[in-house]
Protein backbone atom coordinates (compact mmCIF):
# COMPACT_ATOMS: atom_id res chain seq x y z
CA MET A 1 -10.05 30.51 -36.77
CA PRO A 2 -9.59 33.56 -39.06
CA GLN A 3 -12.12 34.52 -41.72
CA ILE A 4 -11.18 37.00 -44.47
CA ILE A 5 -13.82 39.50 -45.58
CA THR A 6 -13.52 42.32 -48.11
CA ALA A 7 -14.44 45.89 -47.23
CA LYS A 8 -15.45 48.08 -50.17
CA LEU A 9 -14.43 51.69 -49.48
CA LYS A 10 -15.45 54.54 -51.78
CA LEU A 11 -12.57 56.98 -52.32
CA ASN A 12 -13.74 60.61 -52.27
CA LEU A 13 -11.10 62.00 -54.63
CA ASN A 14 -10.83 65.56 -55.85
CA ALA A 15 -9.92 66.23 -59.49
CA GLU A 16 -6.15 66.33 -58.89
CA GLN A 17 -6.13 63.18 -56.74
CA LYS A 18 -8.31 61.36 -59.25
CA ALA A 19 -5.83 62.12 -62.03
CA LEU A 20 -2.96 60.76 -59.90
CA VAL A 21 -4.82 57.56 -59.00
CA SER A 22 -5.85 57.10 -62.63
CA GLN A 23 -2.25 57.54 -63.79
CA THR A 24 -1.06 54.93 -61.27
CA ALA A 25 -3.80 52.40 -62.11
CA LEU A 26 -3.18 52.73 -65.87
CA ALA A 27 0.59 52.35 -65.43
CA TYR A 28 0.01 49.25 -63.29
CA ARG A 29 -2.30 47.81 -65.96
CA ASP A 30 0.27 48.46 -68.69
CA ALA A 31 2.90 46.76 -66.51
CA LEU A 32 0.62 43.72 -66.15
CA ASN A 33 0.22 43.45 -69.93
CA TYR A 34 3.97 43.85 -70.49
CA THR A 35 4.75 41.15 -67.91
CA SER A 36 2.07 38.89 -69.36
CA GLN A 37 3.68 39.11 -72.80
CA VAL A 38 7.12 38.36 -71.30
CA ALA A 39 5.69 35.30 -69.53
CA PHE A 40 4.07 34.14 -72.77
CA ASP A 41 7.28 34.58 -74.76
CA THR A 42 9.28 32.57 -72.19
CA GLY A 43 7.28 29.38 -72.53
CA LYS A 44 4.04 30.58 -70.85
CA THR A 45 5.79 30.38 -67.51
CA SER A 46 3.92 30.63 -64.23
CA ASN A 47 7.07 30.92 -62.12
CA GLY A 48 6.68 34.18 -60.19
CA LEU A 49 10.33 34.41 -59.08
CA LYS A 50 11.59 33.89 -62.63
CA LEU A 51 9.21 36.56 -63.92
CA GLN A 52 10.23 39.04 -61.23
CA LYS A 53 13.90 38.71 -62.13
CA ALA A 54 13.06 39.23 -65.82
CA VAL A 55 10.87 42.32 -65.51
CA TYR A 56 11.61 44.06 -62.18
CA ASN A 57 14.06 46.67 -63.46
CA GLU A 58 11.91 47.41 -66.52
CA LEU A 59 8.83 47.92 -64.35
CA ARG A 60 10.70 50.39 -62.14
CA VAL A 61 12.24 52.41 -65.00
CA ARG A 62 9.76 52.17 -67.86
CA PHE A 63 6.48 52.31 -65.89
CA GLY A 64 7.69 54.20 -62.82
CA LEU A 65 6.26 51.71 -60.32
CA GLY A 66 7.42 51.57 -56.73
CA ALA A 67 9.34 48.60 -55.35
CA GLN A 68 6.30 46.83 -53.86
CA MET A 69 4.19 47.32 -56.98
CA ALA A 70 7.03 46.03 -59.16
CA CYS A 71 6.94 42.85 -57.05
CA ASN A 72 3.15 42.58 -57.04
CA VAL A 73 2.86 42.69 -60.85
CA PRO A 74 4.78 39.45 -61.60
CA ARG A 75 3.02 37.71 -58.68
CA GLN A 76 -0.37 38.63 -60.14
CA VAL A 77 0.62 37.54 -63.65
CA SER A 78 2.04 34.31 -62.24
CA THR A 79 -1.27 33.58 -60.49
CA THR A 80 -3.15 34.20 -63.75
CA TYR A 81 -0.95 31.76 -65.67
CA LYS A 82 -1.29 29.12 -62.94
CA THR A 83 -5.08 29.42 -63.19
CA LEU A 84 -4.97 29.14 -66.98
CA TRP A 85 -2.69 26.09 -66.84
CA THR A 86 -5.14 24.46 -64.41
CA LYS A 87 -7.97 25.08 -66.88
CA VAL A 88 -5.88 23.62 -69.70
CA LYS A 89 -5.30 20.45 -67.68
CA GLN A 90 -8.99 20.25 -66.76
CA SER A 91 -9.88 20.67 -70.44
CA ASN A 92 -7.51 17.88 -71.45
CA ASP A 93 -9.01 15.61 -68.79
CA ALA A 94 -12.54 16.45 -69.99
CA ILE A 95 -11.56 15.64 -73.59
CA ALA A 96 -9.98 12.35 -72.50
CA SER A 97 -13.16 11.49 -70.56
CA CYS A 98 -15.31 12.34 -73.64
CA TYR A 99 -17.18 15.10 -71.78
CA THR A 100 -16.33 17.57 -74.56
CA LYS A 101 -14.38 17.85 -77.80
CA ARG A 102 -13.59 21.56 -77.45
CA ARG A 103 -10.05 22.48 -76.47
CA TYR A 104 -9.48 25.30 -73.99
CA LYS A 105 -7.82 28.20 -75.83
CA GLY A 106 -6.99 30.50 -72.92
CA LEU A 107 -3.24 30.12 -73.45
CA ASP A 108 -3.19 30.45 -77.23
CA LYS A 109 -2.15 34.08 -76.74
CA ALA A 110 -0.94 36.21 -73.88
CA PRO A 111 -3.71 37.12 -71.39
CA LYS A 112 -4.65 40.79 -71.63
CA TYR A 113 -5.60 42.94 -68.64
CA ILE A 114 -8.27 45.54 -69.36
CA SER A 115 -9.56 46.83 -66.02
CA ARG A 116 -7.87 49.68 -64.20
CA THR A 117 -6.49 47.97 -61.15
CA CYS A 118 -3.67 48.24 -58.67
CA THR A 119 -2.63 45.95 -55.79
CA LEU A 120 -1.38 47.72 -52.67
CA ASN A 121 0.47 46.34 -49.62
CA TYR A 122 -0.69 47.50 -46.20
CA GLN A 123 1.64 49.89 -44.35
CA ARG A 124 3.83 50.17 -47.45
CA ASP A 125 1.61 51.28 -50.32
CA TYR A 126 -1.36 52.40 -48.23
CA SER A 127 -2.23 53.01 -44.58
CA PHE A 128 -5.21 54.29 -42.63
CA LYS A 129 -5.19 57.68 -40.93
CA SER A 130 -7.45 59.30 -38.36
CA GLU A 131 -10.78 60.96 -39.23
CA GLN A 132 -11.67 58.23 -41.77
CA GLN A 133 -8.84 58.92 -44.20
CA VAL A 134 -6.42 56.66 -46.07
CA SER A 135 -2.93 57.39 -47.40
CA ILE A 136 -2.31 55.91 -50.87
CA ILE A 137 0.89 55.81 -52.90
CA THR A 138 0.90 57.15 -56.48
CA LEU A 139 3.59 57.62 -59.11
CA GLN A 140 3.98 61.21 -57.90
CA GLY A 141 4.01 60.52 -54.16
CA ARG A 142 1.45 59.85 -51.46
CA ILE A 143 -2.02 61.37 -51.21
CA VAL A 144 -4.41 61.37 -48.24
CA VAL A 145 -8.02 60.66 -49.24
CA PRO A 146 -11.28 60.54 -47.23
CA TYR A 147 -13.40 57.43 -47.73
CA ASP A 148 -16.90 56.05 -47.05
CA GLY A 149 -18.13 52.50 -46.60
CA TYR A 150 -20.37 50.03 -44.79
CA ASN A 151 -20.55 50.99 -41.08
CA LYS A 152 -19.68 47.47 -39.91
CA HIS A 153 -16.51 47.49 -42.03
CA LEU A 154 -15.61 51.00 -40.89
CA ASN A 155 -15.90 49.88 -37.25
CA LEU A 156 -13.62 46.89 -37.89
CA ILE A 157 -10.98 49.17 -39.41
CA ALA A 158 -11.28 51.74 -36.62
CA ASN A 159 -11.06 49.07 -33.87
CA GLY A 160 -7.73 47.71 -35.08
CA SER A 161 -8.72 44.53 -36.93
CA LYS A 162 -5.94 42.78 -38.84
CA ILE A 163 -5.73 44.32 -42.31
CA GLY A 164 -4.14 42.80 -45.40
CA ALA A 165 -3.51 43.80 -48.99
CA ALA A 166 -5.94 45.98 -50.93
CA LYS A 167 -6.90 46.65 -54.53
CA ILE A 168 -7.89 49.85 -56.25
CA VAL A 169 -10.77 49.18 -58.66
CA TYR A 170 -12.51 51.52 -61.08
CA GLN A 171 -16.25 51.51 -61.82
CA ARG A 172 -16.75 52.86 -65.31
CA CYS A 173 -20.47 53.55 -65.11
CA SER A 174 -20.09 55.93 -62.13
CA LYS A 175 -16.45 56.93 -62.84
CA THR A 176 -15.61 56.12 -59.22
CA TYR A 177 -12.55 54.52 -57.63
CA TYR A 178 -12.94 52.04 -54.77
CA LEU A 179 -10.46 50.52 -52.36
CA MET A 180 -11.13 46.80 -51.73
CA VAL A 181 -9.49 45.98 -48.38
CA GLY A 182 -9.00 42.49 -46.96
CA ILE A 183 -9.87 42.31 -43.25
CA GLU A 184 -9.20 39.27 -41.05
CA VAL A 185 -11.97 38.54 -38.56
CA GLU A 186 -11.50 35.99 -35.78
CA VAL A 187 -14.32 33.44 -35.48
CA PRO A 188 -14.56 30.80 -32.73
CA GLU A 189 -13.64 27.16 -33.33
CA ILE A 190 -16.67 24.97 -33.98
CA ASN A 191 -17.33 21.83 -31.91
CA PRO A 192 -19.33 19.16 -33.80
CA LEU A 193 -21.15 18.25 -30.58
CA GLU A 194 -22.46 21.82 -30.26
CA ILE A 195 -24.06 21.86 -33.73
CA THR A 196 -27.83 21.76 -33.30
CA ARG A 197 -28.92 21.82 -36.95
CA VAL A 198 -27.92 19.91 -40.09
CA SER A 199 -29.22 21.10 -43.47
CA GLY A 200 -28.73 20.43 -47.17
CA VAL A 201 -28.79 22.95 -50.02
CA ASP A 202 -29.52 21.98 -53.63
CA VAL A 203 -28.67 24.72 -56.15
CA GLY A 204 -30.03 25.10 -59.67
CA MET A 205 -31.33 27.55 -62.26
CA ARG A 206 -35.10 27.17 -62.01
CA TYR A 207 -34.73 27.31 -58.23
CA LEU A 208 -31.52 29.07 -57.26
CA ALA A 209 -31.49 27.15 -53.99
CA VAL A 210 -33.66 24.65 -52.13
CA GLU A 211 -32.85 24.22 -48.44
CA THR A 212 -34.11 21.58 -46.03
CA ASP A 213 -33.08 20.37 -42.58
CA LEU A 214 -33.59 17.08 -40.75
CA GLN A 215 -36.77 18.44 -39.11
CA ASN A 216 -38.34 18.64 -42.58
CA LYS A 217 -38.32 22.45 -42.63
CA SER A 218 -37.78 23.46 -46.26
CA LYS A 219 -37.55 26.66 -48.25
CA PHE A 220 -37.46 27.29 -51.99
CA TYR A 221 -35.66 30.26 -53.56
CA SER A 222 -37.11 30.73 -57.04
CA GLY A 223 -34.84 31.88 -59.85
CA LYS A 224 -37.67 32.95 -62.15
CA ASP A 225 -37.55 36.69 -61.42
CA ALA A 226 -33.74 36.80 -61.32
CA ARG A 227 -33.44 34.96 -64.63
CA HIS A 228 -36.10 37.19 -66.23
CA LYS A 229 -34.29 40.35 -65.17
CA ALA A 230 -30.91 38.95 -66.30
CA ASN A 231 -32.42 38.16 -69.73
CA ARG A 232 -33.68 41.74 -69.96
CA TYR A 233 -30.14 43.02 -69.43
CA HIS A 234 -28.89 40.60 -72.10
CA LYS A 235 -31.49 41.77 -74.65
CA ALA A 236 -30.75 45.42 -73.85
CA ARG A 237 -27.04 44.86 -74.51
CA GLN A 238 -27.80 43.08 -77.79
CA THR A 239 -30.00 45.95 -78.98
CA LEU A 240 -27.44 48.62 -78.05
CA GLN A 241 -24.58 46.67 -79.65
CA ARG A 242 -26.52 46.38 -82.91
CA LYS A 243 -27.19 50.13 -82.89
CA GLY A 244 -23.54 51.03 -82.49
CA THR A 245 -24.13 54.80 -82.09
CA ARG A 246 -22.19 56.96 -79.65
CA GLN A 247 -25.23 57.29 -77.38
CA ALA A 248 -25.69 53.49 -77.49
CA LYS A 249 -22.06 53.02 -76.41
CA ARG A 250 -22.57 55.47 -73.54
CA ARG A 251 -25.62 53.47 -72.47
CA LEU A 252 -23.64 50.23 -72.66
CA ILE A 253 -21.05 51.68 -70.30
CA ALA A 254 -23.83 52.71 -67.90
CA LEU A 255 -25.26 49.16 -67.99
CA SER A 256 -21.88 47.44 -67.62
CA GLY A 257 -21.67 45.37 -64.47
CA ARG A 258 -25.29 46.00 -63.51
CA GLU A 259 -26.39 42.42 -64.21
CA ARG A 260 -23.42 41.00 -62.29
CA ARG A 261 -24.15 43.24 -59.29
CA PHE A 262 -27.83 42.27 -59.38
CA ILE A 263 -27.00 38.54 -59.33
CA ALA A 264 -24.48 39.08 -56.53
CA ASP A 265 -27.14 40.90 -54.50
CA VAL A 266 -29.61 38.02 -54.99
CA ASN A 267 -26.96 35.52 -53.88
CA HIS A 268 -26.19 37.65 -50.81
CA GLN A 269 -29.86 37.64 -49.79
CA ILE A 270 -30.21 33.88 -50.25
CA SER A 271 -26.96 33.03 -48.45
CA LYS A 272 -27.91 35.30 -45.53
CA GLU A 273 -31.09 33.25 -44.94
CA ILE A 274 -29.38 29.88 -45.39
CA ALA A 275 -26.38 30.55 -43.09
CA LYS A 276 -28.25 30.12 -39.81
CA PRO A 277 -26.37 29.90 -36.46
CA ASN A 278 -25.09 26.57 -35.05
CA SER A 279 -25.58 24.72 -38.32
CA LEU A 280 -23.64 22.27 -40.46
CA ILE A 281 -24.65 23.16 -44.03
CA GLY A 282 -24.16 20.62 -46.80
CA LEU A 283 -23.38 21.82 -50.33
CA GLU A 284 -22.91 19.81 -53.52
CA ASP A 285 -19.43 19.46 -54.97
CA LEU A 286 -20.22 20.63 -58.53
CA THR A 287 -16.68 20.71 -59.93
CA GLY A 288 -16.84 20.42 -63.74
CA ILE A 289 -20.64 20.50 -63.87
CA ARG A 290 -20.75 22.80 -66.92
CA ASP A 291 -18.57 20.50 -69.01
CA ARG A 292 -20.64 17.47 -68.02
CA THR A 293 -24.01 19.07 -68.84
CA LYS A 294 -23.22 21.28 -71.84
CA SER A 295 -25.65 21.18 -74.77
CA LYS A 296 -24.77 21.58 -78.43
CA SER A 297 -23.12 24.88 -79.36
CA GLY A 298 -22.25 26.80 -82.50
CA LYS A 299 -24.19 26.61 -85.77
CA LYS A 300 -25.56 23.13 -85.00
CA ALA A 301 -27.27 24.35 -81.82
CA SER A 302 -30.90 25.44 -81.84
CA LYS A 303 -32.04 28.75 -80.39
CA LYS A 304 -33.28 26.95 -77.28
CA GLN A 305 -29.93 25.17 -76.80
CA ARG A 306 -27.98 28.41 -77.18
CA ARG A 307 -30.21 30.07 -74.60
CA ALA A 308 -29.70 27.12 -72.24
CA ASN A 309 -25.91 27.37 -72.69
CA ARG A 310 -26.05 31.10 -71.97
CA ASN A 311 -28.04 30.53 -68.78
CA LYS A 312 -25.58 27.84 -67.65
CA ALA A 313 -22.64 30.16 -68.31
CA LYS A 314 -24.27 32.78 -66.08
CA TRP A 315 -25.18 30.29 -63.35
CA SER A 316 -23.36 31.64 -60.31
CA PHE A 317 -23.55 28.60 -58.01
CA ALA A 318 -19.87 28.95 -57.01
CA GLU A 319 -20.48 32.53 -55.88
CA LEU A 320 -23.52 31.43 -53.87
CA HIS A 321 -21.52 28.60 -52.28
CA GLY A 322 -18.76 31.06 -51.36
CA TYR A 323 -21.21 33.49 -49.76
CA ILE A 324 -22.83 30.69 -47.74
CA ASP A 325 -19.40 29.48 -46.60
CA TYR A 326 -18.07 32.76 -45.23
CA LYS A 327 -21.40 33.87 -43.73
CA ALA A 328 -21.75 30.52 -42.01
CA ASN A 329 -18.32 31.00 -40.41
CA LEU A 330 -19.32 34.44 -39.13
CA ASN A 331 -22.52 32.96 -37.62
CA GLY A 332 -20.77 30.15 -35.74
CA SER A 333 -21.73 27.58 -38.39
CA LEU A 334 -19.84 25.59 -40.99
CA ALA A 335 -20.41 24.70 -44.64
CA THR A 336 -19.05 21.47 -46.10
CA LYS A 337 -19.24 19.84 -49.50
CA VAL A 338 -20.57 16.36 -50.23
CA PRO A 339 -20.43 14.37 -53.50
CA ALA A 340 -23.20 15.44 -55.87
CA HIS A 341 -23.58 12.04 -57.60
CA TYR A 342 -27.24 10.97 -58.03
CA THR A 343 -28.64 13.43 -55.47
CA SER A 344 -31.67 14.13 -57.69
CA LYS A 345 -32.05 10.52 -58.97
CA SER A 346 -31.83 8.59 -55.71
CA CYS A 347 -34.89 8.03 -53.55
CA PRO A 348 -34.24 9.11 -49.93
CA LYS A 349 -36.94 6.72 -48.66
CA CYS A 350 -35.91 3.41 -50.24
CA GLY A 351 -32.51 4.20 -51.77
CA HIS A 352 -33.45 3.18 -55.34
CA THR A 353 -31.38 5.10 -57.93
CA SER A 354 -32.42 5.41 -61.57
CA ASP A 355 -32.64 7.98 -64.36
CA ALA A 356 -36.31 7.00 -64.75
CA ASN A 357 -37.04 8.39 -61.27
CA ARG A 358 -37.19 11.80 -62.95
CA PRO A 359 -39.52 11.55 -65.95
CA ASN A 360 -38.34 13.82 -68.80
CA LYS A 361 -35.81 15.38 -66.37
CA GLY A 362 -38.62 17.54 -65.00
CA LEU A 363 -39.44 18.89 -61.54
CA LEU A 364 -41.35 15.75 -60.54
CA PHE A 365 -39.54 12.90 -58.77
CA ARG A 366 -41.40 9.59 -58.83
CA CYS A 367 -39.57 6.55 -57.47
CA GLU A 368 -39.90 3.43 -59.63
CA CYS A 369 -39.55 1.18 -56.60
CA CYS A 370 -41.67 2.70 -53.80
CA SER A 371 -43.73 5.26 -55.82
CA HIS A 372 -42.55 8.10 -53.56
CA GLU A 373 -43.37 11.47 -55.23
CA LEU A 374 -41.89 14.85 -54.41
CA HIS A 375 -40.32 17.93 -55.96
CA ALA A 376 -37.04 16.83 -57.58
CA ASP A 377 -35.01 19.72 -56.12
CA LEU A 378 -36.35 18.96 -52.63
CA ILE A 379 -35.30 15.32 -53.12
CA GLY A 380 -31.80 16.59 -53.95
CA ALA A 381 -31.73 18.80 -50.83
CA ARG A 382 -32.85 15.89 -48.63
CA ASN A 383 -30.18 13.58 -50.02
CA ILE A 384 -27.56 16.28 -49.40
CA ALA A 385 -28.84 16.78 -45.85
CA ILE A 386 -28.58 13.10 -44.88
CA ARG A 387 -25.14 12.88 -46.51
CA THR A 388 -24.12 15.90 -44.43
CA LEU A 389 -25.39 14.11 -41.32
CA LEU A 390 -23.05 11.22 -42.17
CA VAL A 391 -20.19 13.72 -42.54
CA ARG A 392 -21.00 15.08 -39.09
CA GLN A 393 -20.95 11.57 -37.59
CA ASP A 394 -17.53 10.91 -39.15
CA TRP A 395 -16.34 14.30 -37.88
CA THR A 396 -17.49 13.46 -34.33
CA SER A 397 -15.83 10.04 -34.34
CA THR A 398 -12.53 10.99 -36.02
CA GLY A 399 -12.17 14.61 -34.90
CA SER A 400 -11.30 15.82 -38.41
CA LEU A 401 -13.44 17.30 -41.16
CA SER A 402 -12.65 17.50 -44.87
CA ALA A 403 -14.08 20.65 -46.47
CA SER A 404 -14.33 18.94 -49.86
CA PRO A 405 -14.82 15.22 -50.63
CA ASP A 406 -12.03 13.26 -52.30
CA VAL A 407 -13.66 11.04 -54.93
CA SER A 408 -10.81 11.07 -57.43
CA GLY A 409 -10.28 7.29 -57.26
CA ARG A 410 -12.87 4.85 -58.57
CA GLU A 411 -12.64 2.61 -55.53
CA THR A 412 -12.98 5.56 -53.13
CA LYS A 413 -15.93 6.92 -55.09
CA ALA A 414 -17.65 3.51 -55.11
CA GLU A 415 -17.13 3.10 -51.36
CA ILE A 416 -18.55 6.55 -50.60
CA LEU A 417 -21.58 6.02 -52.87
CA GLN A 418 -22.18 2.62 -51.24
CA ARG A 419 -22.35 4.29 -47.82
CA PHE A 420 -24.71 6.95 -49.16
CA SER A 421 -27.00 4.32 -50.71
CA GLU A 422 -27.64 2.90 -47.22
CA LEU A 423 -28.97 6.24 -45.89
CA ARG A 424 -32.73 6.74 -45.48
CA TRP A 425 -34.89 9.79 -44.83
CA SER A 426 -36.78 8.95 -41.64
CA SER A 427 -39.49 11.63 -41.74
CA ASP A 428 -43.01 10.22 -42.18
CA THR A 429 -44.61 13.31 -43.67
CA SER A 430 -43.63 14.86 -46.97
CA PRO A 431 -45.03 18.05 -48.52
CA HIS A 432 -46.83 17.49 -51.80
CA LEU A 433 -45.34 18.58 -55.12
CA ARG A 434 -48.16 21.06 -55.84
CA ARG A 435 -47.06 23.28 -52.94
CA TYR A 436 -43.79 24.07 -54.76
CA SER A 437 -44.92 24.10 -58.38
CA ALA A 438 -45.00 27.90 -58.57
């Protein structure tokens, strides 16, 4: 079973090579914006073949792109429009379901590409040479550039791993170009009978992740320090933007992307600890969670509500889920998603489900029926773990595993939730809430 990973290679360009790469990346970006406007003017089309026929010759003549690049541009724009149309449909469904009244405005004007970027095809637009060098196409011909990177990725490239397309990206704060290369790594097929550990992971903002397994071994990953540091970056940007001086703008460029990289690093560390070998890891299916839990916004919102909305917008649970998924595959494990309905409101001991089980929506879970008390996030992780155990039993009996639950139909959803309501946590001992109140 193949697993795609991305190798980040730093290109050690001299001044002349840097100018050539910059010229190519800027021309590619201009071609993306031109194609985006053409797609917008022709009914906001997402048909890649139709776009390619409309813009191919213009991309070759006007922007000087090579044949492969002139094909990659409409494909990339087509993918962007498909994503935007999906968001429009999701927005319409959310409005119809009364989750929100705000209409998605992503297609009110043509999407604009800002970053310097360029997609390259392996063995056509770029290829690897000996002595840790890579040949890259530019508008003025090919250049051979030395590169650096993570030793594990360098070994995969040197040992002949299957290599796919790559992207040139530009980091403004360090004025450095990187080559992001897709590498296919073969991982062994997983047998459900060989899995020795089943765990559940509850994600959130106060605790970025809470993990527990069926042996009652739990771990909390606090989000307090990460959120505090992210808020410091936000306040720094606000202060510099209000200043508006040239030095402030230079500082803003230096800070750009730092918060995102910090959060990604935190998620990498958490996912590395969660993705243990020979495990089936249960994750919540949180599709549409932001629309369902959004507070008031705009002038009517209080300062506290606006801060809560900002924190939700920066909540990177999807990134954490993705890191857990691919690292689990590399460790001989597997991550699967289970329905997230009532995971923090349902008692794992007696099965009673009620909003009142979480007084004031706080960190304390107290069951109305059996008086069971525990940390609310740990309750969620336990419910996910026993649901994952049910998924494993179905996988063993049927021989097939669905990576994401299908609860689109009301009857299907009701049937699945009925099965989950019959599950019970069998452990006799439970850690007390005070142990995890920090």
